[in-house]
């Protein structure tokens, strides 16, 4: 695929994907979604890539969905077909790839939120493994102000990240918070006054240095066990994953490297 709305650069074992519509604060489009999906899948298939970083070009991260290409186009399509907007939106969404499922099944992903992160510009990263934001970044779950409702599992993940009260406040008010405020409420995991991409890269490298098999298995466990209250089911999943891990080349290499007092070679 030729990338028109993102750029992809590999820095050793970390793939950096940059949303690249700076003139529109990297507003989201279906084309951008397709390009991001392709880049992630390609990186997952590349044994040289250990982790991903997602950031935005220019002064914004992603200012939400492109109003003219997404909302206005859906309304126009619904009117032309004589159907309601919800039906048109549902049809479009049903045809789209499941971004959250892809992120959770992927190699580790870190967001470098360098500026405005609004609506889908925020929810697209909530399911990633670690979020780094600049202290002056602006973040908002602004759906209610656009007459729509949360998506990309954000009505679930917001509560997991922030707790019931903060998640309700963000979703029901649509208010904007700074990177500092976002860190205080648990919406993001790290805040910096410096180079947000550098901080995210450092975090991604700390994941990429670990065994690939264990990274994917561990993410699966966190995904499925994070909100499961049945501890018997939680432990069954852990045992199944542990059995796979123990039989893997990654496990043998980790043990051999420890005994031989040398750095492991996982890729």
Protein backbone atom coordinates (compact mmCIF):
# COMPACT_ATOMS: atom_id res chain seq x y z
CA UNK A 1 0.00 0.00 0.00
CA UNK A 2 1.18 3.53 -0.80
CA UNK A 3 0.88 5.69 2.33
CA UNK A 4 -0.69 9.09 1.69
CA UNK A 5 -1.87 10.11 5.17
CA UNK A 6 0.73 8.49 7.41
CA UNK A 7 4.49 7.99 7.35
CA UNK A 8 6.28 4.87 8.54
CA UNK A 9 9.89 4.79 9.76
CA UNK A 10 11.70 1.91 11.41
CA UNK A 11 14.25 2.80 14.09
CA UNK A 12 16.01 -0.48 14.76
CA UNK A 13 13.29 -2.63 16.37
CA UNK A 14 10.72 0.15 16.85
CA UNK A 15 8.33 1.15 14.05
CA UNK A 16 7.19 4.79 14.24
CA UNK A 17 3.89 5.54 12.51
CA UNK A 18 3.10 9.24 12.14
CA UNK A 19 -0.35 10.57 11.29
CA UNK A 20 0.52 12.96 8.49
CA UNK A 21 -2.16 15.53 7.72
CA UNK A 22 -0.63 18.42 9.67
CA UNK A 23 -2.63 21.06 7.77
CA UNK A 24 -5.77 19.52 9.33
CA UNK A 25 -4.22 18.61 12.68
CA UNK A 26 -4.10 15.01 11.40
CA UNK A 27 -7.88 14.67 11.36
CA UNK A 28 -8.91 11.04 11.00
CA UNK A 29 -10.27 9.62 7.73
CA UNK A 30 -11.16 6.11 6.54
CA UNK A 31 -8.03 6.24 4.38
CA UNK A 32 -5.88 6.96 7.43
CA UNK A 33 -7.49 4.01 9.21
CA UNK A 34 -6.71 1.69 6.29
CA UNK A 35 -3.10 2.86 6.15
CA UNK A 36 -2.59 2.48 9.90
CA UNK A 37 -4.11 -1.01 9.83
CA UNK A 38 -1.82 -2.01 6.98
CA UNK A 39 1.30 -0.64 8.70
CA UNK A 40 0.52 -2.43 11.97
CA UNK A 41 -0.16 -5.75 10.27
CA UNK A 42 3.02 -5.45 8.23
CA UNK A 43 5.01 -4.70 11.40
CA UNK A 44 3.45 -7.64 13.20
CA UNK A 45 4.57 -9.88 10.34
CA UNK A 46 8.13 -8.48 10.38
CA UNK A 47 10.35 -10.32 12.89
CA UNK A 48 12.71 -7.32 13.02
CA UNK A 49 9.99 -5.12 14.57
CA UNK A 50 9.49 -5.44 18.33
CA UNK A 51 7.15 -2.53 19.13
CA UNK A 52 5.27 0.42 17.64
CA UNK A 53 5.05 4.13 18.41
CA UNK A 54 2.19 6.26 17.05
CA UNK A 55 2.46 10.05 16.92
CA UNK A 56 1.27 13.03 14.88
CA UNK A 57 2.98 15.39 12.45
CA UNK A 58 3.13 19.08 13.27
CA UNK A 59 1.44 20.60 16.31
CA UNK A 60 -1.42 18.12 16.63
CA UNK A 61 -1.77 14.42 17.33
CA UNK A 62 -5.24 13.87 15.84
CA UNK A 63 -7.99 16.47 16.15
CA UNK A 64 -10.77 13.91 15.66
CA UNK A 65 -12.63 12.72 12.60
CA UNK A 66 -12.49 14.90 9.51
CA UNK A 67 -15.93 16.53 9.65
CA UNK A 68 -16.37 16.85 5.89
CA UNK A 69 -15.11 13.35 5.05
CA UNK A 70 -16.83 11.49 7.88
CA UNK A 71 -19.83 13.12 9.57
CA UNK A 72 -21.07 15.28 6.71
CA UNK A 73 -20.52 12.49 4.19
CA UNK A 74 -22.49 10.02 6.29
CA UNK A 75 -25.38 12.41 6.76
CA UNK A 76 -25.48 13.11 3.03
CA UNK A 77 -25.36 9.39 2.21
CA UNK A 78 -28.15 8.65 4.67
CA UNK A 79 -30.32 11.42 3.22
CA UNK A 80 -29.72 10.18 -0.32
CA UNK A 81 -30.77 6.66 0.65
CA UNK A 82 -33.75 7.84 2.66
CA UNK A 83 -32.36 6.16 5.78
CA UNK A 84 -31.30 7.50 9.14
CA UNK A 85 -27.77 8.61 10.00
CA UNK A 86 -27.33 5.81 12.53
CA UNK A 87 -28.01 3.16 9.89
CA UNK A 88 -25.53 4.73 7.50
CA UNK A 89 -22.88 5.00 10.18
CA UNK A 90 -23.46 1.44 11.33
CA UNK A 91 -23.06 0.14 7.79
CA UNK A 92 -19.78 2.00 7.38
CA UNK A 93 -18.48 0.84 10.76
CA UNK A 94 -19.48 -2.78 10.18
CA UNK A 95 -17.30 -2.83 7.08
CA UNK A 96 -14.31 -1.41 8.89
CA UNK A 97 -11.57 -3.52 10.45
CA UNK A 98 -11.72 -3.91 14.22
CA UNK A 99 -9.01 -1.50 15.32
CA UNK A 100 -9.25 -2.36 19.02
CA UNK A 101 -8.93 -6.07 18.34
CA UNK A 102 -5.90 -5.41 16.14
CA UNK A 103 -4.21 -3.23 18.77
CA UNK A 104 -4.78 -5.76 21.55
CA UNK A 105 -3.45 -8.65 19.39
CA UNK A 106 -0.48 -6.62 18.17
CA UNK A 107 3.08 -6.24 19.32
CA UNK A 108 3.38 -3.55 22.05
CA UNK A 109 2.08 -0.12 21.03
CA UNK A 110 2.96 3.23 22.62
CA UNK A 111 1.22 6.53 21.81
CA UNK A 112 3.24 9.76 21.71
CA UNK A 113 0.49 12.35 22.10
CA UNK A 114 2.24 15.52 20.97
CA UNK A 115 -0.80 17.82 20.65
CA UNK A 116 -4.57 17.87 20.21
CA UNK A 117 -6.03 14.40 20.75
CA UNK A 118 -9.78 14.75 20.30
CA UNK A 119 -12.62 12.27 19.82
CA UNK A 120 -11.37 9.35 17.75
CA UNK A 121 -7.94 10.95 18.05
CA UNK A 122 -8.09 9.89 21.71
CA UNK A 123 -10.12 6.70 21.54
CA UNK A 124 -7.86 5.21 18.86
CA UNK A 125 -5.01 5.12 21.39
CA UNK A 126 -6.88 4.16 24.58
CA UNK A 127 -6.44 0.45 23.86
CA UNK A 128 -2.68 0.82 23.35
CA UNK A 129 -0.26 -0.38 26.01
CA UNK A 130 1.21 2.93 27.19
CA UNK A 131 0.24 6.55 26.52
CA UNK A 132 2.76 9.39 26.76
CA UNK A 133 1.42 12.94 26.43
CA UNK A 134 3.03 16.34 26.27
CA UNK A 135 2.06 18.47 29.25
CA UNK A 136 0.33 21.00 26.98
CA UNK A 137 -1.49 18.47 24.79
CA UNK A 138 -5.27 18.84 24.69
CA UNK A 139 -7.34 15.66 25.10
CA UNK A 140 -11.10 15.21 24.89
CA UNK A 141 -13.80 12.56 24.45
CA UNK A 142 -15.84 15.11 22.55
CA UNK A 143 -18.46 12.80 21.02
CA UNK A 144 -21.42 14.17 22.96
CA UNK A 145 -20.78 17.68 21.58
CA UNK A 146 -20.96 16.32 18.02
CA UNK A 147 -24.24 14.55 18.65
CA UNK A 148 -22.73 11.06 18.61
CA UNK A 149 -21.72 8.47 21.20
CA UNK A 150 -18.35 6.94 22.22
CA UNK A 151 -16.78 4.20 20.08
CA UNK A 152 -13.69 1.98 19.84
CA UNK A 153 -14.62 0.39 23.19
CA UNK A 154 -13.94 3.71 24.89
CA UNK A 155 -17.02 3.43 27.11
CA UNK A 156 -15.30 0.39 28.64
CA UNK A 157 -11.63 1.39 28.50
CA UNK A 158 -12.21 4.89 29.92
CA UNK A 159 -13.63 3.34 33.08
CA UNK A 160 -10.71 0.93 33.33
CA UNK A 161 -8.21 3.75 32.96
CA UNK A 162 -9.84 6.53 34.95
CA UNK A 163 -12.53 5.03 37.17
CA UNK A 164 -16.27 5.57 37.00
CA UNK A 165 -16.45 9.22 38.04
CA UNK A 166 -13.67 10.59 35.83
CA UNK A 167 -14.79 8.51 32.85
CA UNK A 168 -18.38 9.73 33.25
CA UNK A 169 -17.23 13.33 33.53
CA UNK A 170 -15.08 13.12 30.39
CA UNK A 171 -17.76 11.37 28.35
CA UNK A 172 -20.76 13.39 29.51
CA UNK A 173 -19.14 16.83 29.39
CA UNK A 174 -16.93 16.45 26.34
CA UNK A 175 -14.53 18.82 28.10
CA UNK A 176 -10.88 19.26 27.16
CA UNK A 177 -8.11 18.37 29.60
CA UNK A 178 -4.39 19.07 29.37
CA UNK A 179 -1.72 16.40 29.34
CA UNK A 180 -1.00 17.17 32.99
CA UNK A 181 -4.66 16.76 33.98
CA UNK A 182 -4.90 13.58 31.89
CA UNK A 183 -1.98 12.05 33.78
CA UNK A 184 -3.45 13.01 37.14
CA UNK A 185 -6.72 11.19 36.36
CA UNK A 186 -5.07 8.16 34.77
CA UNK A 187 -6.18 8.91 31.23
CA UNK A 188 -2.54 8.78 30.10
CA UNK A 189 0.35 6.97 31.72
CA UNK A 190 3.18 9.52 31.46
CA UNK A 191 3.43 13.25 30.89
CA UNK A 192 6.49 15.21 29.80
CA UNK A 193 7.47 18.81 29.15
CA UNK A 194 10.17 17.59 26.76
CA UNK A 195 10.28 15.50 23.62
CA UNK A 196 7.20 13.27 23.77
CA UNK A 197 8.37 11.11 20.88
CA UNK A 198 11.71 10.48 22.57
CA UNK A 199 9.94 9.44 25.78
CA UNK A 200 7.61 7.12 23.87
CA UNK A 201 10.52 5.61 21.93
CA UNK A 202 12.35 4.83 25.16
CA UNK A 203 9.27 3.10 26.52
CA UNK A 204 8.75 1.12 23.30
CA UNK A 205 12.38 -0.04 23.28
CA UNK A 206 11.97 -1.33 26.84
CA UNK A 207 9.18 -3.58 25.53
CA UNK A 208 10.85 -4.56 22.25
CA UNK A 209 13.91 -5.97 24.02
CA UNK A 210 11.77 -8.76 25.51
CA UNK A 211 10.82 -12.11 23.93
CA UNK A 212 8.23 -11.62 21.16
CA UNK A 213 6.21 -14.71 22.09
CA UNK A 214 5.90 -13.60 25.70
CA UNK A 215 4.89 -10.07 24.72
CA UNK A 216 1.97 -11.27 22.62
CA UNK A 217 0.88 -13.86 25.19
CA UNK A 218 1.08 -11.33 28.01
CA UNK A 219 -1.02 -8.82 26.07
CA UNK A 220 -3.65 -11.51 25.48
CA UNK A 221 -3.77 -12.23 29.21
CA UNK A 222 -4.12 -8.54 30.10
CA UNK A 223 -6.87 -8.13 27.51
CA UNK A 224 -8.96 -11.10 28.61
CA UNK A 225 -8.21 -11.14 32.33
CA UNK A 226 -8.27 -7.40 33.03
CA UNK A 227 -12.00 -7.24 33.68
CA UNK A 228 -12.81 -10.91 34.31
CA UNK A 229 -13.92 -11.49 37.90
CA UNK A 230 -13.84 -15.29 37.56
CA UNK A 231 -10.41 -16.07 39.02
CA UNK A 232 -10.62 -19.70 37.96
CA UNK A 233 -10.96 -18.60 34.33
CA UNK A 234 -8.14 -16.10 34.81
CA UNK A 235 -5.80 -18.80 36.09
CA UNK A 236 -6.78 -21.24 33.33
CA UNK A 237 -5.80 -18.68 30.72
CA UNK A 238 -2.53 -18.04 32.54
CA UNK A 239 -1.72 -21.75 32.68
CA UNK A 240 -2.52 -22.20 28.99
CA UNK A 241 -0.23 -19.28 28.12
CA UNK A 242 2.49 -20.57 30.45
CA UNK A 243 2.46 -23.95 28.75
CA UNK A 244 2.93 -22.29 25.37
CA UNK A 245 5.69 -20.08 26.77
CA UNK A 246 7.60 -22.97 28.34
CA UNK A 247 7.68 -24.80 24.99
CA UNK A 248 8.90 -21.76 23.03
CA UNK A 249 12.32 -20.98 21.59
CA UNK A 250 12.11 -17.60 23.34
CA UNK A 251 11.97 -19.31 26.74
CA UNK A 252 14.94 -21.54 25.93
CA UNK A 253 16.95 -18.54 24.73
CA UNK A 254 16.10 -16.50 27.84
CA UNK A 255 17.23 -19.30 30.16
CA UNK A 256 20.40 -19.98 28.14
CA UNK A 257 21.32 -16.27 28.11
CA UNK A 258 20.85 -16.04 31.88
CA UNK A 259 23.02 -19.11 32.56
CA UNK A 260 25.70 -17.97 30.12
CA UNK A 261 25.62 -14.40 31.46
CA UNK A 262 25.07 -12.82 28.04
CA UNK A 263 22.37 -10.66 26.44
CA UNK A 264 19.56 -12.73 24.93
CA UNK A 265 18.99 -12.80 21.17
CA UNK A 266 15.29 -12.90 20.45
CA UNK A 267 15.31 -11.56 16.88
